[in-house]
Amino acid sequence: MRALTQALPRPRRWRRWTPWFRPAYLVLFPLSLVALLPFVWMVLGAFKTGAEIRQIPPTFFPQHFTLENFRTVLSDPDLPLLLFYRNSAIVALANVVQVLFTSSLFGYIFAKFEFRGKGLLFWFIMALMIVPSQLTMIPGYLILARLGLINNLLGLILPAAIDPFGIFLFRQFAHGIPSELMDAARVDGANEFQIYWRIVLPQMKPALATFGLLTFMFNWNAYLWPLIVLTEKRVRTLPIILTWYSTRMGNKFHLTMAAAVLVVFPVLLLLMFVQRWIVKGITLSGLRS
C-alpha cells in the first residue's frame, strides 16, 4: 500500500493557485474595485474634517483623522438615531420572520404535496414577480388609508407577508429533501405541521439564512414605499431620515457621510456573520430540479 501511494503522482502545489490566473478574474477584480470606490470614499470621508473634505484637490485618506463627526451626529437632539434604529429594526426583523415562515411553508407545500390547480396557482404566484412595485403603490396606499395604517409601522409589515421569489426559492430547495423523512414521521404519528416544523425547516437552514439576509437588507434600505406611508418624523426609518439629515446639513458632507456609515453599519455587521450562507443557499437551491 505504501509503495502504491509513493508511485502515484503528487499534485503540484501551484495548481491550487491556477484559478487566480483565469482571464475572468483579471476583469472582475478591477471592476470590483470600481464598485467599492464610492463606499470606501464615504467611510474615509466620515473621518475627515469639514475643511479637508471640501479642499481642492481632494485627499483620499484623511490627513487629520477625527471622530468628532460621529460625536456630532450622535449628540444631535434633532436626530435621535436610537428611535430610527428601533423603527428600522422592527420593520426589518418583523418582515424577515413572517416572510421566512410563509415562504418556507408555501414552498414546502408546492414541492411535496399534490392538489388540484397546483400548477396554475404556482405560476400565478410566479407571475406576480413581474408586476412592478410602483404599479401597486397607489392601490396599496388607499387600502392602508382605509385600515388606518398610515404613519404606522404595520403599514410596512402587513403588505410584505407574501414574497413570490421566496416561495420559488424554498420550493426549489424543498425538492431536494427526501420524502422518506416525511413518510417516516407520518408513520410515527406526527401531523403535517409538526413534520414541517421539526423535519423540513431544519433542512432549510442555508436557504433560511440566505433569504433572511436578503429580506433584512431590502427592508433596512427601503426608501420609496416607507416615504409614502410614513409622513411623520417619529415613525420614519433610517434611509428617509438620512435624506432629511443630508438636506438639513447642506454642504457639511463630513457629517452626512458619518451618518451614512452609522446607517449601513448594522447591515455590514450582519453580512460578516452570514455571508458564507448566501452562496451556499443560492447554489443548493439552484441545483434542485
Protein backbone atom coordinates (compact mmCIF):
# COMPACT_ATOMS: atom_id res chain seq x y z
CA MET A 1 0.00 0.00 0.00
CA ARG A 2 2.85 2.35 0.83
CA ALA A 3 4.57 1.54 -2.44
CA LEU A 4 1.35 2.21 -4.35
CA THR A 5 0.98 5.56 -2.62
CA GLN A 6 4.54 6.54 -3.49
CA ALA A 7 4.00 5.50 -7.11
CA LEU A 8 1.04 7.83 -7.53
CA PRO A 9 1.97 11.24 -8.97
CA ARG A 10 1.83 14.01 -6.39
CA PRO A 11 -0.21 17.07 -7.32
CA ARG A 12 1.85 20.19 -7.83
CA ARG A 13 1.29 22.93 -5.31
CA TRP A 14 0.96 25.62 -7.92
CA ARG A 15 -2.25 24.06 -9.22
CA ARG A 16 -4.29 25.35 -6.28
CA TRP A 17 -3.40 28.89 -7.36
CA THR A 18 -4.36 28.45 -11.03
CA PRO A 19 -7.88 29.99 -10.66
CA TRP A 20 -6.24 33.35 -9.91
CA PHE A 21 -4.77 33.35 -13.39
CA ARG A 22 -8.06 32.96 -15.22
CA PRO A 23 -8.96 35.87 -17.51
CA ALA A 24 -12.30 36.38 -15.73
CA TYR A 25 -10.53 37.39 -12.53
CA LEU A 26 -8.44 39.93 -14.42
CA VAL A 27 -11.68 41.62 -15.45
CA LEU A 28 -13.71 41.18 -12.25
CA PHE A 29 -11.01 42.39 -9.87
CA PRO A 30 -10.68 45.94 -11.26
CA LEU A 31 -14.45 46.18 -11.70
CA SER A 32 -14.95 45.23 -8.04
CA LEU A 33 -12.52 47.99 -7.04
CA VAL A 34 -14.53 50.49 -9.08
CA ALA A 35 -17.76 49.32 -7.41
CA LEU A 36 -16.22 49.62 -3.92
CA LEU A 37 -14.70 53.05 -4.50
CA PRO A 38 -17.83 55.12 -3.57
CA PHE A 39 -18.30 53.12 -0.38
CA VAL A 40 -14.64 53.45 0.61
CA TRP A 41 -14.79 57.19 -0.14
CA MET A 42 -17.82 57.54 2.13
CA VAL A 43 -16.14 55.68 5.01
CA LEU A 44 -12.92 57.66 4.72
CA GLY A 45 -14.85 60.92 4.38
CA ALA A 46 -16.61 60.23 7.68
CA PHE A 47 -13.23 60.60 9.43
CA LYS A 48 -12.23 63.86 7.72
CA THR A 49 -12.76 67.39 8.93
CA GLY A 50 -15.14 69.73 7.13
CA ALA A 51 -12.29 71.79 5.70
CA GLU A 52 -10.43 68.76 4.41
CA ILE A 53 -13.41 67.18 2.68
CA ARG A 54 -14.07 70.40 0.74
CA GLN A 55 -10.49 71.19 -0.24
CA ILE A 56 -9.27 71.05 -3.84
CA PRO A 57 -7.54 68.88 -4.86
CA PRO A 58 -9.30 66.37 -2.59
CA THR A 59 -7.44 63.91 -0.40
CA PHE A 60 -8.23 60.21 -0.47
CA PHE A 61 -7.03 59.25 3.02
CA PRO A 62 -7.76 61.55 5.99
CA GLN A 63 -4.85 63.84 6.80
CA HIS A 64 -6.31 64.64 10.21
CA PHE A 65 -8.15 61.55 11.47
CA THR A 66 -11.09 62.57 13.69
CA LEU A 67 -14.10 61.00 15.41
CA GLU A 68 -15.77 64.36 16.02
CA ASN A 69 -18.18 63.80 13.11
CA PHE A 70 -19.68 60.74 14.81
CA ARG A 71 -19.93 62.56 18.14
CA THR A 72 -21.78 65.43 16.44
CA VAL A 73 -24.23 63.10 14.70
CA LEU A 74 -24.92 61.02 17.81
CA SER A 75 -25.40 64.06 20.04
CA ASP A 76 -27.73 65.94 17.68
CA PRO A 77 -31.06 66.42 19.53
CA ASP A 78 -32.95 66.66 16.22
CA LEU A 79 -31.58 63.27 15.16
CA PRO A 80 -32.50 60.64 17.78
CA LEU A 81 -30.83 57.75 15.98
CA LEU A 82 -31.91 55.17 18.54
CA LEU A 83 -35.55 55.90 17.72
CA PHE A 84 -34.97 55.46 13.99
CA TYR A 85 -32.82 52.37 14.57
CA ARG A 86 -35.75 50.93 16.50
CA ASN A 87 -38.22 51.72 13.70
CA SER A 88 -35.99 50.17 11.03
CA ALA A 89 -35.22 47.13 13.20
CA ILE A 90 -38.91 46.48 13.91
CA VAL A 91 -39.83 46.63 10.24
CA ALA A 92 -36.85 44.61 9.01
CA LEU A 93 -36.98 41.86 11.66
CA ALA A 94 -40.78 41.50 11.53
CA ASN A 95 -40.67 41.14 7.75
CA VAL A 96 -37.84 38.60 7.98
CA VAL A 97 -39.78 36.43 10.43
CA GLN A 98 -43.09 36.49 8.58
CA VAL A 99 -41.60 36.11 5.09
CA LEU A 100 -39.40 33.19 6.13
CA PHE A 101 -42.41 31.46 7.67
CA THR A 102 -44.80 31.96 4.76
CA SER A 103 -42.22 31.33 2.04
CA SER A 104 -40.83 28.16 3.58
CA LEU A 105 -44.31 26.81 4.33
CA PHE A 106 -45.73 27.52 0.87
CA GLY A 107 -42.52 26.35 -0.81
CA TYR A 108 -42.73 23.06 1.08
CA ILE A 109 -46.39 22.64 0.11
CA PHE A 110 -45.73 23.30 -3.59
CA ALA A 111 -42.76 20.91 -3.59
CA LYS A 112 -44.16 17.94 -1.66
CA PHE A 113 -47.97 17.99 -1.97
CA GLU A 114 -50.26 17.31 -4.90
CA PHE A 115 -53.61 19.08 -5.19
CA ARG A 116 -55.92 20.31 -7.90
CA GLY A 117 -54.82 23.58 -9.50
CA LYS A 118 -51.33 23.38 -8.00
CA GLY A 119 -49.50 24.25 -11.22
CA LEU A 120 -51.86 27.08 -12.12
CA LEU A 121 -51.64 28.59 -8.63
CA PHE A 122 -47.85 28.34 -8.59
CA TRP A 123 -47.45 30.08 -11.93
CA PHE A 124 -49.91 32.76 -10.86
CA ILE A 125 -47.69 33.47 -7.84
CA MET A 126 -44.63 33.50 -10.08
CA ALA A 127 -46.35 35.96 -12.41
CA LEU A 128 -46.58 38.40 -9.52
CA MET A 129 -42.79 38.75 -9.69
CA ILE A 130 -43.06 40.63 -12.99
CA VAL A 131 -45.53 43.20 -11.65
CA PRO A 132 -43.64 46.45 -10.91
CA SER A 133 -43.95 47.55 -7.30
CA GLN A 134 -44.71 51.11 -8.46
CA LEU A 135 -47.90 49.79 -10.05
CA THR A 136 -49.33 48.70 -6.70
CA MET A 137 -48.32 51.72 -4.62
CA ILE A 138 -51.47 53.80 -5.15
CA PRO A 139 -53.91 50.91 -4.51
CA GLY A 140 -51.79 49.82 -1.57
CA TYR A 141 -51.80 53.31 -0.09
CA LEU A 142 -55.60 53.56 -0.43
CA ILE A 143 -56.04 50.21 1.32
CA LEU A 144 -53.75 51.23 4.16
CA ALA A 145 -55.59 54.54 4.49
CA ARG A 146 -58.90 52.69 4.83
CA LEU A 147 -57.38 50.45 7.50
CA GLY A 148 -55.88 53.41 9.38
CA LEU A 149 -52.30 52.19 8.93
CA ILE A 150 -50.77 55.37 7.52
CA ASN A 151 -47.93 56.55 9.80
CA ASN A 152 -47.95 53.10 11.34
CA LEU A 153 -45.12 50.58 11.08
CA LEU A 154 -47.70 47.87 10.42
CA GLY A 155 -48.25 49.56 7.07
CA LEU A 156 -44.77 48.37 6.08
CA ILE A 157 -45.12 44.92 7.62
CA LEU A 158 -48.53 43.51 6.67
CA PRO A 159 -48.30 44.08 2.87
CA ALA A 160 -44.94 42.26 2.77
CA ALA A 161 -46.19 38.99 4.30
CA ILE A 162 -46.04 37.06 0.99
CA ASP A 163 -42.97 37.06 -1.24
CA PRO A 164 -43.23 35.24 -4.61
CA PHE A 165 -39.47 34.95 -5.02
CA GLY A 166 -39.18 33.44 -1.54
CA ILE A 167 -41.81 30.82 -2.37
CA PHE A 168 -39.91 29.92 -5.52
CA LEU A 169 -36.57 29.74 -3.69
CA PHE A 170 -37.88 27.45 -0.92
CA ARG A 171 -39.79 25.29 -3.39
CA GLN A 172 -36.57 24.64 -5.28
CA PHE A 173 -34.76 23.85 -2.05
CA ALA A 174 -37.53 21.59 -0.70
CA HIS A 175 -37.35 19.41 -3.81
CA GLY A 176 -34.04 18.06 -2.54
CA ILE A 177 -35.38 16.97 0.87
CA PRO A 178 -36.01 13.19 0.82
CA SER A 179 -39.71 12.38 1.00
CA GLU A 180 -38.85 9.30 3.07
CA LEU A 181 -38.20 11.59 6.07
CA MET A 182 -41.76 12.91 5.94
CA ASP A 183 -43.23 9.43 5.39
CA ALA A 184 -41.36 8.07 8.42
CA ALA A 185 -42.65 10.93 10.57
CA ARG A 186 -46.24 10.26 9.45
CA VAL A 187 -45.85 6.61 10.41
CA ASP A 188 -44.70 7.77 13.86
CA GLY A 189 -47.89 9.79 14.23
CA ALA A 190 -46.64 13.34 13.51
CA ASN A 191 -49.11 15.75 11.94
CA GLU A 192 -48.26 17.84 8.88
CA PHE A 193 -47.29 20.98 10.78
CA GLN A 194 -45.01 19.00 13.09
CA ILE A 195 -43.34 17.50 10.04
CA TYR A 196 -42.82 20.97 8.59
CA TRP A 197 -41.56 22.49 11.86
CA ARG A 198 -39.34 19.67 13.14
CA ILE A 199 -38.10 17.97 9.97
CA VAL A 200 -38.43 20.20 6.92
CA LEU A 201 -37.48 23.55 8.45
CA PRO A 202 -34.13 22.37 9.94
CA GLN A 203 -33.19 21.03 6.50
CA MET A 204 -33.68 24.51 5.01
CA LYS A 205 -31.12 26.36 7.14
CA PRO A 206 -28.96 27.54 4.19
CA ALA A 207 -32.00 28.88 2.34
CA LEU A 208 -33.37 30.46 5.53
CA ALA A 209 -30.09 32.27 6.20
CA THR A 210 -29.73 33.41 2.59
CA PHE A 211 -33.24 34.70 2.08
CA GLY A 212 -33.42 36.10 5.60
CA LEU A 213 -30.37 38.27 4.96
CA LEU A 214 -31.66 39.43 1.58
CA THR A 215 -35.03 40.31 3.12
CA PHE A 216 -33.38 42.15 6.00
CA MET A 217 -31.20 44.22 3.65
CA PHE A 218 -34.12 45.05 1.37
CA ASN A 219 -36.32 46.27 4.23
CA TRP A 220 -33.48 48.05 6.02
CA ASN A 221 -32.65 50.03 2.86
CA ALA A 222 -36.21 50.51 1.57
CA TYR A 223 -36.93 54.14 0.72
CA LEU A 224 -39.81 54.91 -1.65
CA TRP A 225 -42.63 52.91 -0.03
CA PRO A 226 -41.74 53.97 3.55
CA LEU A 227 -41.51 57.57 2.32
CA ILE A 228 -45.13 57.33 1.09
CA VAL A 229 -46.58 55.50 4.09
CA LEU A 230 -44.66 57.25 6.89
CA THR A 231 -45.15 61.02 6.77
CA GLU A 232 -44.48 61.78 10.44
CA LYS A 233 -40.87 62.06 11.57
CA ARG A 234 -41.25 59.94 14.73
CA VAL A 235 -42.15 56.77 12.80
CA ARG A 236 -39.77 57.12 9.88
CA THR A 237 -36.96 54.68 9.12
CA LEU A 238 -33.25 55.33 8.72
CA PRO A 239 -32.97 55.82 4.91
CA ILE A 240 -35.65 58.54 4.98
CA ILE A 241 -34.06 60.25 7.97
CA LEU A 242 -30.68 60.11 6.26
CA THR A 243 -32.08 62.05 3.30
CA TRP A 244 -33.67 64.57 5.66
CA TYR A 245 -30.41 64.95 7.57
CA SER A 246 -28.41 65.41 4.35
CA THR A 247 -30.76 68.19 3.23
CA ARG A 248 -30.60 69.82 6.66
CA MET A 249 -26.79 69.76 6.78
CA GLY A 250 -26.36 71.31 3.34
CA ASN A 251 -22.66 71.28 2.41
CA LYS A 252 -21.50 69.61 5.65
CA PHE A 253 -20.65 66.44 3.78
CA HIS A 254 -18.45 65.06 6.55
CA LEU A 255 -21.47 64.86 8.88
CA THR A 256 -23.66 63.32 6.18
CA MET A 257 -21.05 60.64 5.49
CA ALA A 258 -20.71 59.89 9.20
CA ALA A 259 -24.49 59.45 9.46
CA ALA A 260 -24.47 57.19 6.39
CA VAL A 261 -21.77 54.99 7.92
CA LEU A 262 -23.87 54.61 11.08
CA VAL A 263 -26.89 53.62 8.96
CA VAL A 264 -25.13 50.90 6.93
CA PHE A 265 -23.01 49.55 9.81
CA PRO A 266 -25.64 47.03 11.12
CA VAL A 267 -26.06 45.53 7.65
CA LEU A 268 -22.30 45.14 7.21
CA LEU A 269 -22.01 43.56 10.64
CA LEU A 270 -24.76 41.07 9.80
CA LEU A 271 -23.19 40.32 6.42
CA MET A 272 -19.88 39.42 8.06
CA PHE A 273 -21.53 36.63 10.05
CA VAL A 274 -23.79 35.06 7.42
CA GLN A 275 -22.05 35.76 4.11
CA ARG A 276 -20.96 32.14 3.68
CA TRP A 277 -24.60 31.02 3.79
CA ILE A 278 -25.55 33.27 0.86
CA VAL A 279 -23.56 31.41 -1.79
CA LYS A 280 -24.35 28.04 -0.23
CA GLY A 281 -28.09 28.66 -0.09
CA ILE A 282 -28.40 30.05 -3.61
CA THR A 283 -26.16 27.31 -5.03
CA LEU A 284 -28.09 24.48 -3.38
CA SER A 285 -31.49 25.87 -4.33
CA GLY A 286 -30.36 26.44 -7.89
CA LEU A 287 -29.27 22.83 -8.28
CA ARG A 288 -32.66 21.43 -7.28
CA SER A 289 -34.96 20.31 -10.03
